[in-house]
Amino acid sequence: MSALTNAIDILRCFSTSRTDLSFADVQVMTGKPKSSTSRLLRSLRDCGLLEQDPRSRRYRPGLLVFELGRLHRADDDLIATPERDLRDVDARAVHTG
């Protein structure tokens, strides 16, 4: 596996129900060796994809993840498309939605 694939595996560990993770959490969830997990977490932190709480040492998605998400949102309007489709259905069915 490439380093990028391994990094993505770590980023996929985070979810709305798991917003911060310990080193051990990530290592167990990915099944990767401790040395690889440590190296990848440090790299992801250093480039801004992850942040690490200095007190708890837990990781959470960093500002760069948010910024990239905003770029996607600006280019792919997930709200306007269904609204436009719903208006088309409403117009054809002579109903409101």
PDB file of N, CA and C in Angstrom:
ATOM      1  N   MET A   1       0.829  -1.183   0.000  1.00  0.00           N
ATOM      2  CA  MET A   1       0.000   0.000   0.000  1.00  0.00           C
ATOM      3  C   MET A   1       0.874   1.248   0.000  1.00  0.00           C
ATOM      4  N   SER A   2       0.375   2.281  -0.638  1.00  0.00           N
ATOM      5  CA  SER A   2       1.133   3.526  -0.689  1.00  0.00           C
ATOM      6  C   SER A   2       0.925   4.327   0.594  1.00  0.00           C
ATOM      7  N   ALA A   3       1.810   5.282   0.812  1.00  0.00           N
ATOM      8  CA  ALA A   3       1.681   6.149   1.984  1.00  0.00           C
ATOM      9  C   ALA A   3       0.372   6.927   1.924  1.00  0.00           C
ATOM     10  N   LEU A   4      -0.032   7.327   0.730  1.00  0.00           N
ATOM     11  CA  LEU A   4      -1.290   8.066   0.596  1.00  0.00           C
ATOM     12  C   LEU A   4      -2.478   7.195   0.987  1.00  0.00           C
ATOM     13  N   THR A   5      -2.492   5.960   0.547  1.00  0.00           N
ATOM     14  CA  THR A   5      -3.569   5.036   0.910  1.00  0.00           C
ATOM     15  C   THR A   5      -3.611   4.832   2.415  1.00  0.00           C
ATOM     16  N   ASN A   6      -2.467   4.677   3.019  1.00  0.00           N
ATOM     17  CA  ASN A   6      -2.400   4.505   4.477  1.00  0.00           C
ATOM     18  C   ASN A   6      -2.900   5.750   5.208  1.00  0.00           C
ATOM     19  N   ALA A   7      -2.547   6.928   4.700  1.00  0.00           N
ATOM     20  CA  ALA A   7      -3.016   8.172   5.316  1.00  0.00           C
ATOM     21  C   ALA A   7      -4.536   8.288   5.194  1.00  0.00           C
ATOM     22  N   ILE A   8      -5.068   7.921   4.047  1.00  0.00           N
ATOM     23  CA  ILE A   8      -6.517   7.974   3.851  1.00  0.00           C
ATOM     24  C   ILE A   8      -7.211   6.989   4.786  1.00  0.00           C
ATOM     25  N   ASP A   9      -6.618   5.832   4.995  1.00  0.00           N
ATOM     26  CA  ASP A   9      -7.185   4.864   5.948  1.00  0.00           C
ATOM     27  C   ASP A   9      -7.318   5.492   7.334  1.00  0.00           C
ATOM     28  N   ILE A  10      -6.348   6.283   7.721  1.00  0.00           N
ATOM     29  CA  ILE A  10      -6.405   6.954   9.025  1.00  0.00           C
ATOM     30  C   ILE A  10      -7.501   8.009   9.022  1.00  0.00           C
ATOM     31  N   LEU A  11      -7.577   8.817   7.988  1.00  0.00           N
ATOM     32  CA  LEU A  11      -8.593   9.866   7.936  1.00  0.00           C
ATOM     33  C   LEU A  11      -9.999   9.278   7.946  1.00  0.00           C
ATOM     34  N   ARG A  12     -10.179   8.112   7.357  1.00  0.00           N
ATOM     35  CA  ARG A  12     -11.495   7.462   7.333  1.00  0.00           C
ATOM     36  C   ARG A  12     -11.915   6.929   8.705  1.00  0.00           C
ATOM     37  N   CYS A  13     -11.012   6.891   9.656  1.00  0.00           N
ATOM     38  CA  CYS A  13     -11.362   6.454  11.019  1.00  0.00           C
ATOM     39  C   CYS A  13     -12.263   7.472  11.717  1.00  0.00           C
ATOM     40  N   PHE A  14     -12.193   8.723  11.293  1.00  0.00           N
ATOM     41  CA  PHE A  14     -12.969   9.782  11.925  1.00  0.00           C
ATOM     42  C   PHE A  14     -14.384   9.803  11.359  1.00  0.00           C
ATOM     43  N   SER A  15     -15.337  10.119  12.210  1.00  0.00           N
ATOM     44  CA  SER A  15     -16.733  10.219  11.790  1.00  0.00           C
ATOM     45  C   SER A  15     -17.439  11.176  12.729  1.00  0.00           C
ATOM     46  N   THR A  16     -18.719  11.399  12.478  1.00  0.00           N
ATOM     47  CA  THR A  16     -19.464  12.295  13.359  1.00  0.00           C
ATOM     48  C   THR A  16     -19.580  11.730  14.775  1.00  0.00           C
ATOM     49  N   SER A  17     -19.505  10.426  14.892  1.00  0.00           N
ATOM     50  CA  SER A  17     -19.560   9.826  16.231  1.00  0.00           C
ATOM     51  C   SER A  17     -18.168   9.607  16.834  1.00  0.00           C
ATOM     52  N   ARG A  18     -17.143   9.750  16.016  1.00  0.00           N
ATOM     53  CA  ARG A  18     -15.752   9.604  16.490  1.00  0.00           C
ATOM     54  C   ARG A  18     -14.955  10.808  15.996  1.00  0.00           C
ATOM     55  N   THR A  19     -15.119  11.940  16.684  1.00  0.00           N
ATOM     56  CA  THR A  19     -14.482  13.176  16.220  1.00  0.00           C
ATOM     57  C   THR A  19     -13.045  13.331  16.698  1.00  0.00           C
ATOM     58  N   ASP A  20     -12.675  12.599  17.725  1.00  0.00           N
ATOM     59  CA  ASP A  20     -11.279  12.604  18.149  1.00  0.00           C
ATOM     60  C   ASP A  20     -10.874  11.186  18.542  1.00  0.00           C
ATOM     61  N   LEU A  21      -9.631  10.857  18.237  1.00  0.00           N
ATOM     62  CA  LEU A  21      -9.141   9.493  18.444  1.00  0.00           C
ATOM     63  C   LEU A  21      -7.757   9.513  19.064  1.00  0.00           C
ATOM     64  N   SER A  22      -7.485   8.523  19.887  1.00  0.00           N
ATOM     65  CA  SER A  22      -6.148   8.362  20.449  1.00  0.00           C
ATOM     66  C   SER A  22      -5.268   7.603  19.450  1.00  0.00           C
ATOM     67  N   PHE A  23      -3.984   7.615  19.721  1.00  0.00           N
ATOM     68  CA  PHE A  23      -3.056   6.837  18.907  1.00  0.00           C
ATOM     69  C   PHE A  23      -3.490   5.375  18.888  1.00  0.00           C
ATOM     70  N   ALA A  24      -3.828   4.839  20.061  1.00  0.00           N
ATOM     71  CA  ALA A  24      -4.231   3.433  20.168  1.00  0.00           C
ATOM     72  C   ALA A  24      -5.500   3.156  19.367  1.00  0.00           C
ATOM     73  N   ASP A  25      -6.465   4.086  19.406  1.00  0.00           N
ATOM     74  CA  ASP A  25      -7.691   3.927  18.624  1.00  0.00           C
ATOM     75  C   ASP A  25      -7.359   3.764  17.141  1.00  0.00           C
ATOM     76  N   VAL A  26      -6.531   4.659  16.642  1.00  0.00           N
ATOM     77  CA  VAL A  26      -6.169   4.643  15.216  1.00  0.00           C
ATOM     78  C   VAL A  26      -5.423   3.362  14.877  1.00  0.00           C
ATOM     79  N   GLN A  27      -4.511   2.976  15.745  1.00  0.00           N
ATOM     80  CA  GLN A  27      -3.707   1.780  15.480  1.00  0.00           C
ATOM     81  C   GLN A  27      -4.590   0.539  15.427  1.00  0.00           C
ATOM     82  N   VAL A  28      -5.535   0.420  16.335  1.00  0.00           N
ATOM     83  CA  VAL A  28      -6.443  -0.726  16.350  1.00  0.00           C
ATOM     84  C   VAL A  28      -7.372  -0.693  15.136  1.00  0.00           C
ATOM     85  N   MET A  29      -7.928   0.480  14.834  1.00  0.00           N
ATOM     86  CA  MET A  29      -8.890   0.593  13.739  1.00  0.00           C
ATOM     87  C   MET A  29      -8.266   0.319  12.374  1.00  0.00           C
ATOM     88  N   THR A  30      -7.013   0.700  12.202  1.00  0.00           N
ATOM     89  CA  THR A  30      -6.360   0.488  10.905  1.00  0.00           C
ATOM     90  C   THR A  30      -5.618  -0.841  10.835  1.00  0.00           C
ATOM     91  N   GLY A  31      -5.237  -1.364  11.994  1.00  0.00           N
ATOM     92  CA  GLY A  31      -4.471  -2.606  12.011  1.00  0.00           C
ATOM     93  C   GLY A  31      -3.036  -2.438  11.539  1.00  0.00           C
ATOM     94  N   LYS A  32      -2.568  -1.215  11.499  1.00  0.00           N
ATOM     95  CA  LYS A  32      -1.213  -0.943  11.022  1.00  0.00           C
ATOM     96  C   LYS A  32      -0.221  -1.026  12.187  1.00  0.00           C
ATOM     97  N   PRO A  33       1.030  -1.312  11.884  1.00  0.00           N
ATOM     98  CA  PRO A  33       2.043  -1.363  12.944  1.00  0.00           C
ATOM     99  C   PRO A  33       2.159  -0.020  13.668  1.00  0.00           C
ATOM    100  N   LYS A  34       2.585  -0.087  14.935  1.00  0.00           N
ATOM    101  CA  LYS A  34       2.711   1.123  15.746  1.00  0.00           C
ATOM    102  C   LYS A  34       3.634   2.150  15.103  1.00  0.00           C
ATOM    103  N   SER A  35       4.764   1.699  14.561  1.00  0.00           N
ATOM    104  CA  SER A  35       5.718   2.647  13.970  1.00  0.00           C
ATOM    105  C   SER A  35       5.118   3.352  12.762  1.00  0.00           C
ATOM    106  N   SER A  36       4.403   2.623  11.921  1.00  0.00           N
ATOM    107  CA  SER A  36       3.763   3.232  10.745  1.00  0.00           C
ATOM    108  C   SER A  36       2.662   4.191  11.164  1.00  0.00           C
ATOM    109  N   THR A  37       1.866   3.787  12.150  1.00  0.00           N
ATOM    110  CA  THR A  37       0.781   4.639  12.632  1.00  0.00           C
ATOM    111  C   THR A  37       1.342   5.929  13.199  1.00  0.00           C
ATOM    112  N   SER A  38       2.371   5.826  13.993  1.00  0.00           N
ATOM    113  CA  SER A  38       2.987   7.007  14.591  1.00  0.00           C
ATOM    114  C   SER A  38       3.521   7.948  13.515  1.00  0.00           C
ATOM    115  N   ARG A  39       4.223   7.412  12.551  1.00  0.00           N
ATOM    116  CA  ARG A  39       4.809   8.210  11.474  1.00  0.00           C
ATOM    117  C   ARG A  39       3.713   8.904  10.650  1.00  0.00           C
ATOM    118  N   LEU A  40       2.653   8.170  10.313  1.00  0.00           N
ATOM    119  CA  LEU A  40       1.570   8.741   9.518  1.00  0.00           C
ATOM    120  C   LEU A  40       0.803   9.811  10.293  1.00  0.00           C
ATOM    121  N   LEU A  41       0.516   9.563  11.564  1.00  0.00           N
ATOM    122  CA  LEU A  41      -0.181  10.561  12.373  1.00  0.00           C
ATOM    123  C   LEU A  41       0.643  11.848  12.478  1.00  0.00           C
ATOM    124  N   ARG A  42       1.928  11.701  12.672  1.00  0.00           N
ATOM    125  CA  ARG A  42       2.801  12.879  12.760  1.00  0.00           C
ATOM    126  C   ARG A  42       2.803  13.652  11.439  1.00  0.00           C
ATOM    127  N   SER A  43       2.881  12.940  10.322  1.00  0.00           N
ATOM    128  CA  SER A  43       2.870  13.596   9.011  1.00  0.00           C
ATOM    129  C   SER A  43       1.552  14.305   8.748  1.00  0.00           C
ATOM    130  N   LEU A  44       0.443  13.635   9.074  1.00  0.00           N
ATOM    131  CA  LEU A  44      -0.875  14.246   8.882  1.00  0.00           C
ATOM    132  C   LEU A  44      -1.050  15.476   9.773  1.00  0.00           C
ATOM    133  N   ARG A  45      -0.506  15.412  10.971  1.00  0.00           N
ATOM    134  CA  ARG A  45      -0.558  16.561  11.883  1.00  0.00           C
ATOM    135  C   ARG A  45       0.313  17.701  11.354  1.00  0.00           C
ATOM    136  N   ASP A  46       1.512  17.372  10.924  1.00  0.00           N
ATOM    137  CA  ASP A  46       2.448  18.402  10.461  1.00  0.00           C
ATOM    138  C   ASP A  46       1.955  19.133   9.216  1.00  0.00           C
ATOM    139  N   CYS A  47       1.174  18.457   8.380  1.00  0.00           N
ATOM    140  CA  CYS A  47       0.684  19.113   7.158  1.00  0.00           C
ATOM    141  C   CYS A  47      -0.692  19.746   7.354  1.00  0.00           C
ATOM    142  N   GLY A  48      -1.289  19.616   8.533  1.00  0.00           N
ATOM    143  CA  GLY A  48      -2.539  20.297   8.827  1.00  0.00           C
ATOM    144  C   GLY A  48      -3.800  19.491   8.584  1.00  0.00           C
ATOM    145  N   LEU A  49      -3.664  18.232   8.170  1.00  0.00           N
ATOM    146  CA  LEU A  49      -4.856  17.399   7.989  1.00  0.00           C
ATOM    147  C   LEU A  49      -5.406  16.911   9.321  1.00  0.00           C
ATOM    148  N   LEU A  50      -4.550  16.820  10.331  1.00  0.00           N
ATOM    149  CA  LEU A  50      -4.977  16.471  11.690  1.00  0.00           C
ATOM    150  C   LEU A  50      -4.438  17.502  12.667  1.00  0.00           C
ATOM    151  N   GLU A  51      -5.142  17.649  13.776  1.00  0.00           N
ATOM    152  CA  GLU A  51      -4.664  18.434  14.913  1.00  0.00           C
ATOM    153  C   GLU A  51      -4.530  17.482  16.090  1.00  0.00           C
ATOM    154  N   GLN A  52      -3.626  17.806  16.998  1.00  0.00           N
ATOM    155  CA  GLN A  52      -3.463  16.983  18.194  1.00  0.00           C
ATOM    156  C   GLN A  52      -3.614  17.853  19.423  1.00  0.00           C
ATOM    157  N   ASP A  53      -4.517  17.448  20.299  1.00  0.00           N
ATOM    158  CA  ASP A  53      -4.727  18.163  21.550  1.00  0.00           C
ATOM    159  C   ASP A  53      -3.475  17.983  22.408  1.00  0.00           C
ATOM    160  N   PRO A  54      -2.848  19.076  22.829  1.00  0.00           N
ATOM    161  CA  PRO A  54      -1.599  18.952  23.593  1.00  0.00           C
ATOM    162  C   PRO A  54      -1.771  18.274  24.949  1.00  0.00           C
ATOM    163  N   ARG A  55      -2.963  18.371  25.544  1.00  0.00           N
ATOM    164  CA  ARG A  55      -3.174  17.764  26.857  1.00  0.00           C
ATOM    165  C   ARG A  55      -3.574  16.299  26.744  1.00  0.00           C
ATOM    166  N   SER A  56      -4.583  16.005  25.940  1.00  0.00           N
ATOM    167  CA  SER A  56      -5.075  14.627  25.863  1.00  0.00           C
ATOM    168  C   SER A  56      -4.286  13.790  24.852  1.00  0.00           C
ATOM    169  N   ARG A  57      -3.562  14.476  23.947  1.00  0.00           N
ATOM    170  CA  ARG A  57      -2.778  13.825  22.875  1.00  0.00           C
ATOM    171  C   ARG A  57      -3.680  13.150  21.834  1.00  0.00           C
ATOM    172  N   ARG A  58      -4.977  13.411  21.889  1.00  0.00           N
ATOM    173  CA  ARG A  58      -5.916  12.823  20.929  1.00  0.00           C
ATOM    174  C   ARG A  58      -5.889  13.630  19.635  1.00  0.00           C
ATOM    175  N   TYR A  59      -6.207  12.951  18.544  1.00  0.00           N
ATOM    176  CA  TYR A  59      -6.206  13.565  17.220  1.00  0.00           C
ATOM    177  C   TYR A  59      -7.628  13.867  16.770  1.00  0.00           C
ATOM    178  N   ARG A  60      -7.750  14.918  15.968  1.00  0.00           N
ATOM    179  CA  ARG A  60      -9.029  15.275  15.349  1.00  0.00           C
ATOM    180  C   ARG A  60      -8.713  15.876  13.975  1.00  0.00           C
ATOM    181  N   PRO A  61      -9.691  15.897  13.079  1.00  0.00           N
ATOM    182  CA  PRO A  61      -9.445  16.490  11.756  1.00  0.00           C
ATOM    183  C   PRO A  61      -8.993  17.943  11.897  1.00  0.00           C
ATOM    184  N   GLY A  62      -8.048  18.325  11.066  1.00  0.00           N
ATOM    185  CA  GLY A  62      -7.480  19.665  11.130  1.00  0.00           C
ATOM    186  C   GLY A  62      -8.169  20.650  10.208  1.00  0.00           C
ATOM    187  N   LEU A  63      -7.709  21.865  10.266  1.00  0.00           N
ATOM    188  CA  LEU A  63      -8.287  22.953   9.494  1.00  0.00           C
ATOM    189  C   LEU A  63      -8.207  22.694   7.984  1.00  0.00           C
ATOM    190  N   LEU A  64      -7.159  22.046   7.536  1.00  0.00           N
ATOM    191  CA  LEU A  64      -7.022  21.782   6.106  1.00  0.00           C
ATOM    192  C   LEU A  64      -8.158  20.902   5.584  1.00  0.00           C
ATOM    193  N   VAL A  65      -8.626  19.959   6.383  1.00  0.00           N
ATOM    194  CA  VAL A  65      -9.753  19.109   5.987  1.00  0.00           C
ATOM    195  C   VAL A  65     -10.993  19.979   5.764  1.00  0.00           C
ATOM    196  N   PHE A  66     -11.239  20.918   6.682  1.00  0.00           N
ATOM    197  CA  PHE A  66     -12.369  21.832   6.558  1.00  0.00           C
ATOM    198  C   PHE A  66     -12.236  22.686   5.301  1.00  0.00           C
ATOM    199  N   GLU A  67     -11.048  23.230   5.071  1.00  0.00           N
ATOM    200  CA  GLU A  67     -10.834  24.075   3.899  1.00  0.00           C
ATOM    201  C   GLU A  67     -11.058  23.302   2.602  1.00  0.00           C
ATOM    202  N   LEU A  68     -10.601  22.075   2.541  1.00  0.00           N
ATOM    203  CA  LEU A  68     -10.821  21.256   1.348  1.00  0.00           C
ATOM    204  C   LEU A  68     -12.293  20.936   1.166  1.00  0.00           C
ATOM    205  N   GLY A  69     -12.992  20.686   2.262  1.00  0.00           N
ATOM    206  CA  GLY A  69     -14.432  20.451   2.193  1.00  0.00           C
ATOM    207  C   GLY A  69     -15.179  21.660   1.673  1.00  0.00           C
ATOM    208  N   ARG A  70     -14.757  22.843   2.078  1.00  0.00           N
ATOM    209  CA  ARG A  70     -15.383  24.076   1.582  1.00  0.00           C
ATOM    210  C   ARG A  70     -15.157  24.234   0.089  1.00  0.00           C
ATOM    211  N   LEU A  71     -13.987  23.866  -0.400  1.00  0.00           N
ATOM    212  CA  LEU A  71     -13.717  23.946  -1.844  1.00  0.00           C
ATOM    213  C   LEU A  71     -14.649  23.025  -2.610  1.00  0.00           C
ATOM    214  N   HIS A  72     -14.841  21.835  -2.099  1.00  0.00           N
ATOM    215  CA  HIS A  72     -15.752  20.894  -2.748  1.00  0.00           C
ATOM    216  C   HIS A  72     -17.163  21.453  -2.741  1.00  0.00           C
ATOM    217  N   ARG A  73     -17.585  21.977  -1.613  1.00  0.00           N
ATOM    218  CA  ARG A  73     -18.939  22.523  -1.472  1.00  0.00           C
ATOM    219  C   ARG A  73     -19.158  23.686  -2.430  1.00  0.00           C
ATOM    220  N   ALA A  74     -18.141  24.513  -2.620  1.00  0.00           N
ATOM    221  CA  ALA A  74     -18.266  25.661  -3.513  1.00  0.00           C
ATOM    222  C   ALA A  74     -18.422  25.225  -4.960  1.00  0.00           C
ATOM    223  N   ASP A  75     -17.879  24.083  -5.288  1.00  0.00           N
ATOM    224  CA  ASP A  75     -17.900  23.605  -6.671  1.00  0.00           C
ATOM    225  C   ASP A  75     -19.035  22.625  -6.943  1.00  0.00           C
ATOM    226  N   ASP A  76     -19.630  22.059  -5.909  1.00  0.00           N
ATOM    227  CA  ASP A  76     -20.667  21.046  -6.077  1.00  0.00           C
ATOM    228  C   ASP A  76     -21.797  21.348  -5.098  1.00  0.00           C
ATOM    229  N   ASP A  77     -22.776  22.110  -5.539  1.00  0.00           N
ATOM    230  CA  ASP A  77     -23.829  22.554  -4.645  1.00  0.00           C
ATOM    231  C   ASP A  77     -24.813  21.424  -4.376  1.00  0.00           C
ATOM    232  N   LEU A  78     -24.656  20.770  -3.242  1.00  0.00           N
ATOM    233  CA  LEU A  78     -25.482  19.621  -2.890  1.00  0.00           C
ATOM    234  C   LEU A  78     -26.908  20.000  -2.504  1.00  0.00           C
ATOM    235  N   ILE A  79     -27.142  21.249  -2.195  1.00  0.00           N
ATOM    236  CA  ILE A  79     -28.486  21.697  -1.816  1.00  0.00           C
ATOM    237  C   ILE A  79     -29.260  22.181  -3.041  1.00  0.00           C
ATOM    238  N   ALA A  80     -28.601  22.954  -3.881  1.00  0.00           N
ATOM    239  CA  ALA A  80     -29.295  23.546  -5.028  1.00  0.00           C
ATOM    240  C   ALA A  80     -29.787  22.491  -6.014  1.00  0.00           C
ATOM    241  N   THR A  81     -29.026  21.434  -6.232  1.00  0.00           N
ATOM    242  CA  THR A  81     -29.426  20.408  -7.200  1.00  0.00           C
ATOM    243  C   THR A  81     -30.737  19.731  -6.811  1.00  0.00           C
ATOM    244  N   PRO A  82     -30.881  19.206  -5.581  1.00  0.00           N
ATOM    245  CA  PRO A  82     -32.171  18.596  -5.231  1.00  0.00           C
ATOM    246  C   PRO A  82     -33.310  19.614  -5.202  1.00  0.00           C
ATOM    247  N   GLU A  83     -33.024  20.850  -4.787  1.00  0.00           N
ATOM    248  CA  GLU A  83     -34.074  21.871  -4.787  1.00  0.00           C
ATOM    249  C   GLU A  83     -34.565  22.147  -6.203  1.00  0.00           C
ATOM    250  N   ARG A  84     -33.654  22.228  -7.136  1.00  0.00           N
ATOM    251  CA  ARG A  84     -34.013  22.457  -8.537  1.00  0.00           C
ATOM    252  C   ARG A  84     -34.843  21.288  -9.071  1.00  0.00           C
ATOM    253  N   ASP A  85     -34.421  20.070  -8.762  1.00  0.00           N
ATOM    254  CA  ASP A  85     -35.169  18.894  -9.200  1.00  0.00           C
ATOM    255  C   ASP A  85     -36.564  18.862  -8.584  1.00  0.00           C
ATOM    256  N   LEU A  86     -36.670  19.230  -7.316  1.00  0.00           N
ATOM    257  CA  LEU A  86     -37.967  19.247  -6.643  1.00  0.00           C
ATOM    258  C   LEU A  86     -38.892  20.298  -7.269  1.00  0.00           C
ATOM    259  N   ARG A  87     -38.354  21.452  -7.601  1.00  0.00           N
ATOM    260  CA  ARG A  87     -39.171  22.478  -8.266  1.00  0.00           C
ATOM    261  C   ARG A  87     -39.676  21.977  -9.614  1.00  0.00           C
ATOM    262  N   ASP A  88     -38.835  21.246 -10.356  1.00  0.00           N
ATOM    263  CA  ASP A  88     -39.264  20.686 -11.641  1.00  0.00           C
ATOM    264  C   ASP A  88     -40.409  19.694 -11.453  1.00  0.00           C
ATOM    265  N   VAL A  89     -40.304  18.829 -10.463  1.00  0.00           N
ATOM    266  CA  VAL A  89     -41.369  17.860 -10.178  1.00  0.00           C
ATOM    267  C   VAL A  89     -42.638  18.592  -9.759  1.00  0.00           C
ATOM    268  N   ASP A  90     -42.479  19.592  -8.892  1.00  0.00           N
ATOM    269  CA  ASP A  90     -43.632  20.386  -8.443  1.00  0.00           C
ATOM    270  C   ASP A  90     -44.346  21.031  -9.630  1.00  0.00           C
ATOM    271  N   ALA A  91     -43.575  21.595 -10.550  1.00  0.00           N
ATOM    272  CA  ALA A  91     -44.167  22.278 -11.702  1.00  0.00           C
ATOM    273  C   ALA A  91     -44.933  21.301 -12.590  1.00  0.00           C
ATOM    274  N   ARG A  92     -44.376  20.119 -12.784  1.00  0.00           N
ATOM    275  CA  ARG A  92     -45.038  19.120 -13.631  1.00  0.00           C
ATOM    276  C   ARG A  92     -46.261  18.525 -12.945  1.00  0.00           C
ATOM    277  N   ALA A  93     -46.213  18.380 -11.642  1.00  0.00           N
ATOM    278  CA  ALA A  93     -47.311  17.745 -10.907  1.00  0.00           C
ATOM    279  C   ALA A  93     -48.341  18.747 -10.415  1.00  0.00           C
ATOM    280  N   VAL A  94     -48.056  20.021 -10.590  1.00  0.00           N
ATOM    281  CA  VAL A  94     -48.917  21.116 -10.124  1.00  0.00           C
ATOM    282  C   VAL A  94     -49.191  20.965  -8.615  1.00  0.00           C
ATOM    283  N   HIS A  95     -48.143  20.690  -7.874  1.00  0.00           N
ATOM    284  CA  HIS A  95     -48.200  20.591  -6.415  1.00  0.00           C
ATOM    285  C   HIS A  95     -47.038  21.406  -5.854  1.00  0.00           C
ATOM    286  N   THR A  96     -47.031  21.562  -4.550  1.00  0.00           N
ATOM    287  CA  THR A  96     -45.895  22.228  -3.910  1.00  0.00           C
ATOM    288  C   THR A  96     -45.113  21.205  -3.117  1.00  0.00           C
ATOM    289  N   GLY A  97     -43.864  21.425  -2.976  1.00  0.00           N
ATOM    290  CA  GLY A  97     -43.018  20.490  -2.247  1.00  0.00           C
ATOM    291  C   GLY A  97     -42.114  21.189  -1.284  1.00  0.00           C
TER     292      GLY A  97
END
